[in-house]
């Protein structure tokens, strides 16, 4: 990811993979474990999972954004 430090880009890729595939790729897993111990790897997975859960709840329960929050589209609710 241009403009990001290599390991920061790895963390972003991990979040994208967990969000999209519910799993880390072998390459991302290897990059994380090269720097992180087991506890830190668990922290990555559970932090992404927690934010995913919170966003699902807020979106499903139709919680409105605070005034002034812009820049992120609201989900379609057909």
N, C-alpha and C. Protein backbone atom coordinates (compact mmCIF):
# COMPACT_ATOMS: atom_id res chain seq x y z
N UNK A 1 0.85 -1.17 0.00
CA UNK A 1 0.00 0.00 0.00
C UNK A 1 0.90 1.23 0.00
N UNK A 2 0.84 1.97 -1.07
CA UNK A 2 1.70 3.14 -1.18
C UNK A 2 1.46 4.14 -0.05
N UNK A 3 2.54 4.69 0.46
CA UNK A 3 2.43 5.71 1.50
C UNK A 3 2.39 5.17 2.92
N UNK A 4 2.32 3.86 3.08
CA UNK A 4 2.27 3.25 4.41
C UNK A 4 3.59 2.56 4.70
N UNK A 5 4.00 2.58 5.94
CA UNK A 5 5.13 1.77 6.36
C UNK A 5 4.77 0.30 6.12
N UNK A 6 5.75 -0.53 5.85
CA UNK A 6 5.49 -1.92 5.46
C UNK A 6 4.62 -2.67 6.47
N UNK A 7 4.93 -2.56 7.76
CA UNK A 7 4.15 -3.33 8.72
C UNK A 7 2.76 -2.72 8.93
N UNK A 8 2.65 -1.40 8.84
CA UNK A 8 1.32 -0.77 8.92
C UNK A 8 0.44 -1.26 7.76
N UNK A 9 1.03 -1.40 6.58
CA UNK A 9 0.29 -1.92 5.43
C UNK A 9 -0.13 -3.37 5.68
N UNK A 10 0.71 -4.13 6.36
CA UNK A 10 0.37 -5.51 6.71
C UNK A 10 -0.85 -5.54 7.64
N UNK A 11 -0.89 -4.66 8.60
CA UNK A 11 -2.04 -4.60 9.51
C UNK A 11 -3.31 -4.20 8.76
N UNK A 12 -3.21 -3.27 7.83
CA UNK A 12 -4.38 -2.90 7.03
C UNK A 12 -4.84 -4.06 6.17
N UNK A 13 -3.89 -4.76 5.57
CA UNK A 13 -4.23 -5.93 4.77
C UNK A 13 -4.90 -7.00 5.64
N UNK A 14 -4.40 -7.18 6.84
CA UNK A 14 -5.00 -8.15 7.76
C UNK A 14 -6.45 -7.77 8.05
N UNK A 15 -6.70 -6.50 8.32
CA UNK A 15 -8.08 -6.06 8.59
C UNK A 15 -8.97 -6.29 7.37
N UNK A 16 -8.46 -5.96 6.19
CA UNK A 16 -9.24 -6.17 4.97
C UNK A 16 -9.55 -7.65 4.75
N UNK A 17 -8.55 -8.50 4.97
CA UNK A 17 -8.76 -9.94 4.78
C UNK A 17 -9.76 -10.49 5.80
N UNK A 18 -9.61 -10.10 7.03
CA UNK A 18 -10.54 -10.59 8.06
C UNK A 18 -11.96 -10.12 7.78
N UNK A 19 -12.10 -8.89 7.34
CA UNK A 19 -13.42 -8.34 7.04
C UNK A 19 -14.02 -9.04 5.81
N UNK A 20 -13.21 -9.25 4.80
CA UNK A 20 -13.74 -9.79 3.55
C UNK A 20 -13.80 -11.30 3.48
N UNK A 21 -12.81 -11.97 4.08
CA UNK A 21 -12.70 -13.42 3.94
C UNK A 21 -12.87 -14.18 5.25
N UNK A 22 -12.96 -13.47 6.36
CA UNK A 22 -13.04 -14.09 7.69
C UNK A 22 -11.81 -14.93 8.01
N UNK A 23 -10.69 -14.64 7.36
CA UNK A 23 -9.48 -15.41 7.57
C UNK A 23 -8.28 -14.62 7.04
N UNK A 24 -7.13 -14.85 7.65
CA UNK A 24 -5.89 -14.25 7.15
C UNK A 24 -5.28 -15.16 6.09
N UNK A 25 -4.74 -14.56 5.04
CA UNK A 25 -4.01 -15.34 4.04
C UNK A 25 -2.71 -15.86 4.66
N UNK A 26 -2.13 -16.85 4.05
CA UNK A 26 -0.86 -17.38 4.54
C UNK A 26 0.22 -16.31 4.55
N UNK A 27 0.25 -15.47 3.52
CA UNK A 27 1.28 -14.43 3.43
C UNK A 27 1.12 -13.40 4.55
N UNK A 28 -0.11 -12.98 4.80
CA UNK A 28 -0.35 -12.00 5.86
C UNK A 28 -0.06 -12.61 7.22
N UNK A 29 -0.48 -13.84 7.42
CA UNK A 29 -0.20 -14.54 8.68
C UNK A 29 1.30 -14.61 8.93
N UNK A 30 2.06 -14.97 7.91
CA UNK A 30 3.52 -15.06 8.05
C UNK A 30 4.13 -13.71 8.37
N UNK A 31 3.64 -12.66 7.72
CA UNK A 31 4.17 -11.31 7.98
C UNK A 31 3.87 -10.87 9.40
N UNK A 32 2.69 -11.18 9.89
CA UNK A 32 2.33 -10.81 11.26
C UNK A 32 3.15 -11.59 12.28
N UNK A 33 3.29 -12.90 12.07
CA UNK A 33 4.00 -13.72 13.05
C UNK A 33 5.50 -13.48 13.04
N UNK A 34 6.00 -12.85 11.99
CA UNK A 34 7.41 -12.48 11.97
C UNK A 34 7.72 -11.39 12.99
N UNK A 35 6.69 -10.65 13.37
CA UNK A 35 6.88 -9.53 14.30
C UNK A 35 6.08 -9.69 15.59
N UNK A 36 4.94 -10.34 15.52
CA UNK A 36 4.04 -10.44 16.67
C UNK A 36 4.10 -11.84 17.29
N UNK A 37 3.93 -11.87 18.62
CA UNK A 37 3.81 -13.16 19.29
C UNK A 37 2.34 -13.60 19.24
N UNK A 38 2.05 -14.75 19.82
CA UNK A 38 0.70 -15.31 19.75
C UNK A 38 -0.34 -14.37 20.36
N UNK A 39 -0.04 -13.73 21.49
CA UNK A 39 -0.99 -12.82 22.12
C UNK A 39 -1.29 -11.62 21.22
N UNK A 40 -0.26 -11.08 20.61
CA UNK A 40 -0.46 -9.93 19.73
C UNK A 40 -1.27 -10.32 18.49
N UNK A 41 -1.03 -11.51 17.97
CA UNK A 41 -1.81 -11.97 16.83
C UNK A 41 -3.28 -12.13 17.21
N UNK A 42 -3.54 -12.68 18.39
CA UNK A 42 -4.92 -12.76 18.88
C UNK A 42 -5.53 -11.37 19.01
N UNK A 43 -4.75 -10.41 19.49
CA UNK A 43 -5.25 -9.04 19.63
C UNK A 43 -5.67 -8.46 18.28
N UNK A 44 -4.89 -8.72 17.24
CA UNK A 44 -5.24 -8.23 15.90
C UNK A 44 -6.58 -8.82 15.47
N UNK A 45 -6.69 -10.14 15.55
CA UNK A 45 -7.91 -10.82 15.08
C UNK A 45 -9.13 -10.38 15.89
N UNK A 46 -9.01 -10.33 17.21
CA UNK A 46 -10.16 -9.97 18.03
C UNK A 46 -10.50 -8.49 17.95
N UNK A 47 -9.53 -7.63 17.74
CA UNK A 47 -9.82 -6.20 17.57
C UNK A 47 -10.60 -5.98 16.28
N UNK A 48 -10.15 -6.57 15.19
CA UNK A 48 -10.88 -6.44 13.93
C UNK A 48 -12.28 -7.03 14.08
N UNK A 49 -12.38 -8.19 14.71
CA UNK A 49 -13.68 -8.83 14.90
C UNK A 49 -14.62 -7.99 15.75
N UNK A 50 -14.10 -7.35 16.78
CA UNK A 50 -14.93 -6.51 17.64
C UNK A 50 -15.48 -5.31 16.87
N UNK A 51 -14.61 -4.65 16.09
CA UNK A 51 -15.09 -3.51 15.29
C UNK A 51 -16.10 -3.97 14.26
N UNK A 52 -15.91 -5.14 13.69
CA UNK A 52 -16.85 -5.68 12.72
C UNK A 52 -18.21 -5.91 13.40
N UNK A 53 -18.19 -6.51 14.57
CA UNK A 53 -19.43 -6.77 15.31
C UNK A 53 -20.14 -5.47 15.68
N UNK A 54 -19.40 -4.51 16.17
CA UNK A 54 -20.01 -3.22 16.54
C UNK A 54 -20.63 -2.55 15.32
N UNK A 55 -19.92 -2.56 14.19
CA UNK A 55 -20.47 -1.91 13.00
C UNK A 55 -21.73 -2.62 12.51
N UNK A 56 -21.76 -3.96 12.59
CA UNK A 56 -22.97 -4.69 12.20
C UNK A 56 -24.14 -4.30 13.11
N UNK A 57 -23.89 -4.21 14.39
CA UNK A 57 -24.96 -3.85 15.33
C UNK A 57 -25.45 -2.43 15.08
N UNK A 58 -24.54 -1.49 14.95
CA UNK A 58 -24.93 -0.09 14.74
C UNK A 58 -25.70 0.07 13.43
N UNK A 59 -25.22 -0.58 12.37
CA UNK A 59 -25.91 -0.47 11.09
C UNK A 59 -27.28 -1.15 11.13
N UNK A 60 -27.36 -2.33 11.72
CA UNK A 60 -28.62 -3.07 11.76
C UNK A 60 -29.66 -2.39 12.63
N UNK A 61 -29.22 -1.75 13.70
CA UNK A 61 -30.15 -1.09 14.62
C UNK A 61 -30.44 0.35 14.22
N UNK A 62 -29.90 0.74 13.05
CA UNK A 62 -30.18 2.07 12.47
C UNK A 62 -29.72 3.22 13.36
N UNK A 63 -28.62 3.02 14.06
CA UNK A 63 -28.08 4.08 14.90
C UNK A 63 -27.57 5.19 13.99
N UNK A 64 -28.02 6.40 14.25
CA UNK A 64 -27.63 7.55 13.43
C UNK A 64 -26.26 8.07 13.85
N UNK A 65 -25.55 8.59 12.89
CA UNK A 65 -24.24 9.17 13.17
C UNK A 65 -24.39 10.47 13.95
N UNK A 66 -23.34 10.79 14.67
CA UNK A 66 -23.30 12.08 15.35
C UNK A 66 -23.26 13.19 14.31
N UNK A 67 -23.77 14.36 14.68
CA UNK A 67 -23.71 15.52 13.79
C UNK A 67 -22.26 15.81 13.41
N UNK A 68 -22.06 16.13 12.15
CA UNK A 68 -20.73 16.51 11.68
C UNK A 68 -19.88 15.37 11.18
N UNK A 69 -20.31 14.12 11.34
CA UNK A 69 -19.53 12.98 10.86
C UNK A 69 -19.83 12.82 9.37
N UNK A 70 -18.78 12.92 8.56
CA UNK A 70 -18.94 12.82 7.11
C UNK A 70 -17.82 11.95 6.54
N UNK A 71 -17.92 11.68 5.24
CA UNK A 71 -16.82 11.02 4.54
C UNK A 71 -16.93 9.53 4.40
N UNK A 72 -17.88 8.91 5.10
CA UNK A 72 -18.06 7.46 4.98
C UNK A 72 -19.53 7.23 4.61
N UNK A 73 -19.77 6.55 3.48
CA UNK A 73 -21.16 6.36 3.07
C UNK A 73 -21.92 5.46 4.02
N UNK A 74 -23.19 5.75 4.17
CA UNK A 74 -24.06 4.89 4.96
C UNK A 74 -24.42 3.67 4.10
N UNK A 75 -24.63 2.52 4.73
CA UNK A 75 -24.99 1.31 3.96
C UNK A 75 -26.38 1.43 3.36
N UNK A 76 -26.55 0.79 2.19
CA UNK A 76 -27.87 0.72 1.58
C UNK A 76 -28.73 -0.23 2.42
N UNK A 77 -29.97 0.14 2.60
CA UNK A 77 -30.89 -0.70 3.38
C UNK A 77 -32.15 -0.93 2.57
N UNK A 78 -32.07 -1.88 1.67
CA UNK A 78 -33.23 -2.18 0.83
C UNK A 78 -34.20 -3.05 1.55
